[in-house]
Amino acid sequence: MSESVHPANAKADMRTAAALFVFALLVVVLSVVALVIWGLPALSLIALAATILVFGMLVAYAAGF
């Protein structure tokens, strides 16, 4: 049982996917730049930010968002 995807939904999904890919690329580029500028301490800051982000996503999931 395959469902047909409405073209408007497909476009919205493609826009969302493109935005997520751009965001992920931006995070990688900023991480590399931070690593080049500040060296290894930047990895600690990146890990701390990632921990806070994951914690926030878990809280949002638990809250039903």
N, C-alpha and C. Protein backbone atom coordinates (compact mmCIF):
# COMPACT_ATOMS: atom_id res chain seq x y z
N MET A 1 0.83 -1.18 0.00
CA MET A 1 0.00 0.00 0.00
C MET A 1 0.87 1.24 0.00
N SER A 2 1.11 1.75 -1.14
CA SER A 2 1.91 2.97 -1.22
C SER A 2 0.98 4.17 -1.28
N GLU A 3 1.38 5.19 -0.56
CA GLU A 3 0.61 6.43 -0.55
C GLU A 3 1.22 7.39 -1.56
N SER A 4 0.36 8.08 -2.28
CA SER A 4 0.89 9.07 -3.21
C SER A 4 1.25 10.34 -2.42
N VAL A 5 2.35 10.93 -2.79
CA VAL A 5 2.83 12.12 -2.11
C VAL A 5 2.38 13.33 -2.90
N HIS A 6 1.73 14.23 -2.21
CA HIS A 6 1.27 15.46 -2.85
C HIS A 6 2.50 16.30 -3.22
N PRO A 7 2.51 16.91 -4.41
CA PRO A 7 3.69 17.69 -4.84
C PRO A 7 4.07 18.80 -3.86
N ALA A 8 3.10 19.41 -3.23
CA ALA A 8 3.41 20.48 -2.27
C ALA A 8 4.14 19.91 -1.06
N ASN A 9 3.73 18.72 -0.61
CA ASN A 9 4.40 18.09 0.52
C ASN A 9 5.82 17.67 0.13
N ALA A 10 5.98 17.18 -1.08
CA ALA A 10 7.31 16.77 -1.54
C ALA A 10 8.25 17.97 -1.61
N LYS A 11 7.75 19.11 -2.09
CA LYS A 11 8.57 20.32 -2.16
C LYS A 11 8.95 20.79 -0.76
N ALA A 12 8.00 20.74 0.16
CA ALA A 12 8.28 21.16 1.53
C ALA A 12 9.31 20.24 2.17
N ASP A 13 9.19 18.95 1.92
CA ASP A 13 10.16 17.99 2.45
C ASP A 13 11.55 18.24 1.86
N MET A 14 11.60 18.55 0.58
CA MET A 14 12.90 18.81 -0.06
C MET A 14 13.52 20.09 0.49
N ARG A 15 12.70 21.12 0.74
CA ARG A 15 13.22 22.36 1.32
C ARG A 15 13.76 22.10 2.73
N THR A 16 13.03 21.31 3.50
CA THR A 16 13.47 21.00 4.86
C THR A 16 14.78 20.21 4.82
N ALA A 17 14.86 19.23 3.95
CA ALA A 17 16.08 18.43 3.83
C ALA A 17 17.26 19.30 3.40
N ALA A 18 17.03 20.20 2.45
CA ALA A 18 18.10 21.08 1.99
C ALA A 18 18.56 22.00 3.12
N ALA A 19 17.63 22.51 3.90
CA ALA A 19 17.99 23.38 5.02
C ALA A 19 18.79 22.60 6.07
N LEU A 20 18.42 21.36 6.32
CA LEU A 20 19.16 20.54 7.28
C LEU A 20 20.58 20.24 6.78
N PHE A 21 20.72 19.95 5.49
CA PHE A 21 22.04 19.71 4.93
C PHE A 21 22.91 20.96 5.01
N VAL A 22 22.34 22.11 4.72
CA VAL A 22 23.09 23.37 4.79
C VAL A 22 23.50 23.63 6.24
N PHE A 23 22.60 23.38 7.18
CA PHE A 23 22.91 23.58 8.59
C PHE A 23 24.04 22.65 9.03
N ALA A 24 23.97 21.39 8.62
CA ALA A 24 25.02 20.43 8.98
C ALA A 24 26.36 20.84 8.38
N LEU A 25 26.36 21.29 7.14
CA LEU A 25 27.59 21.75 6.50
C LEU A 25 28.15 22.98 7.22
N LEU A 26 27.28 23.88 7.62
CA LEU A 26 27.70 25.07 8.34
C LEU A 26 28.33 24.70 9.69
N VAL A 27 27.74 23.74 10.37
CA VAL A 27 28.29 23.28 11.65
C VAL A 27 29.69 22.67 11.45
N VAL A 28 29.85 21.87 10.42
CA VAL A 28 31.16 21.27 10.15
C VAL A 28 32.19 22.34 9.82
N VAL A 29 31.83 23.29 8.98
CA VAL A 29 32.76 24.36 8.60
C VAL A 29 33.14 25.20 9.82
N LEU A 30 32.16 25.56 10.63
CA LEU A 30 32.46 26.35 11.83
C LEU A 30 33.32 25.56 12.82
N SER A 31 33.09 24.27 12.91
CA SER A 31 33.91 23.43 13.78
C SER A 31 35.36 23.40 13.32
N VAL A 32 35.56 23.26 12.03
CA VAL A 32 36.92 23.24 11.49
C VAL A 32 37.59 24.59 11.70
N VAL A 33 36.86 25.67 11.47
CA VAL A 33 37.42 27.01 11.67
C VAL A 33 37.80 27.21 13.14
N ALA A 34 36.91 26.78 14.05
CA ALA A 34 37.20 26.91 15.48
C ALA A 34 38.42 26.08 15.86
N LEU A 35 38.53 24.90 15.28
CA LEU A 35 39.68 24.04 15.56
C LEU A 35 40.98 24.67 15.06
N VAL A 36 40.93 25.29 13.90
CA VAL A 36 42.12 25.94 13.36
C VAL A 36 42.51 27.16 14.20
N ILE A 37 41.52 27.92 14.64
CA ILE A 37 41.82 29.14 15.40
C ILE A 37 42.26 28.82 16.83
N TRP A 38 41.50 27.98 17.55
CA TRP A 38 41.75 27.76 18.97
C TRP A 38 42.40 26.42 19.29
N GLY A 39 42.52 25.54 18.32
CA GLY A 39 43.17 24.26 18.57
C GLY A 39 42.28 23.29 19.33
N LEU A 40 42.90 22.43 20.12
CA LEU A 40 42.17 21.37 20.80
C LEU A 40 41.12 21.85 21.80
N PRO A 41 41.28 22.99 22.49
CA PRO A 41 40.20 23.43 23.37
C PRO A 41 38.88 23.67 22.63
N ALA A 42 38.96 23.95 21.34
CA ALA A 42 37.74 24.13 20.56
C ALA A 42 36.94 22.84 20.50
N LEU A 43 37.61 21.68 20.52
CA LEU A 43 36.89 20.42 20.51
C LEU A 43 36.05 20.25 21.76
N SER A 44 36.56 20.72 22.89
CA SER A 44 35.78 20.66 24.13
C SER A 44 34.54 21.54 24.04
N LEU A 45 34.71 22.73 23.47
CA LEU A 45 33.56 23.63 23.32
C LEU A 45 32.53 23.06 22.35
N ILE A 46 33.00 22.43 21.29
CA ILE A 46 32.09 21.82 20.31
C ILE A 46 31.34 20.66 20.96
N ALA A 47 32.06 19.85 21.75
CA ALA A 47 31.41 18.72 22.43
C ALA A 47 30.39 19.21 23.44
N LEU A 48 30.70 20.28 24.15
CA LEU A 48 29.75 20.84 25.12
C LEU A 48 28.50 21.36 24.41
N ALA A 49 28.69 22.06 23.31
CA ALA A 49 27.54 22.56 22.56
C ALA A 49 26.70 21.42 22.00
N ALA A 50 27.35 20.36 21.53
CA ALA A 50 26.61 19.21 21.01
C ALA A 50 25.83 18.51 22.11
N THR A 51 26.42 18.43 23.30
CA THR A 51 25.72 17.82 24.44
C THR A 51 24.48 18.61 24.80
N ILE A 52 24.60 19.92 24.84
CA ILE A 52 23.46 20.77 25.15
C ILE A 52 22.38 20.64 24.08
N LEU A 53 22.79 20.58 22.82
CA LEU A 53 21.84 20.44 21.72
C LEU A 53 21.08 19.11 21.82
N VAL A 54 21.80 18.03 22.06
CA VAL A 54 21.15 16.72 22.18
C VAL A 54 20.22 16.69 23.39
N PHE A 55 20.65 17.26 24.50
CA PHE A 55 19.79 17.32 25.68
C PHE A 55 18.52 18.10 25.37
N GLY A 56 18.65 19.21 24.67
CA GLY A 56 17.47 20.00 24.29
C GLY A 56 16.53 19.22 23.39
N MET A 57 17.09 18.46 22.45
CA MET A 57 16.24 17.66 21.57
C MET A 57 15.51 16.57 22.36
N LEU A 58 16.20 15.95 23.32
CA LEU A 58 15.55 14.93 24.14
C LEU A 58 14.44 15.52 25.00
N VAL A 59 14.66 16.69 25.54
CA VAL A 59 13.62 17.36 26.33
C VAL A 59 12.43 17.71 25.44
N ALA A 60 12.70 18.21 24.24
CA ALA A 60 11.61 18.55 23.32
C ALA A 60 10.82 17.29 22.92
N TYR A 61 11.53 16.19 22.70
CA TYR A 61 10.85 14.93 22.34
C TYR A 61 10.00 14.45 23.51
N ALA A 62 10.53 14.54 24.72
CA ALA A 62 9.77 14.11 25.89
C ALA A 62 8.55 15.00 26.12
N ALA A 63 8.65 16.27 25.75
CA ALA A 63 7.54 17.20 25.91
C ALA A 63 6.49 17.03 24.81
N GLY A 64 6.83 16.30 23.77
CA GLY A 64 5.84 16.04 22.72
C GLY A 64 5.95 16.93 21.50
N PHE A 65 7.05 17.62 21.33
CA PHE A 65 7.20 18.48 20.15
C PHE A 65 7.65 17.70 18.96
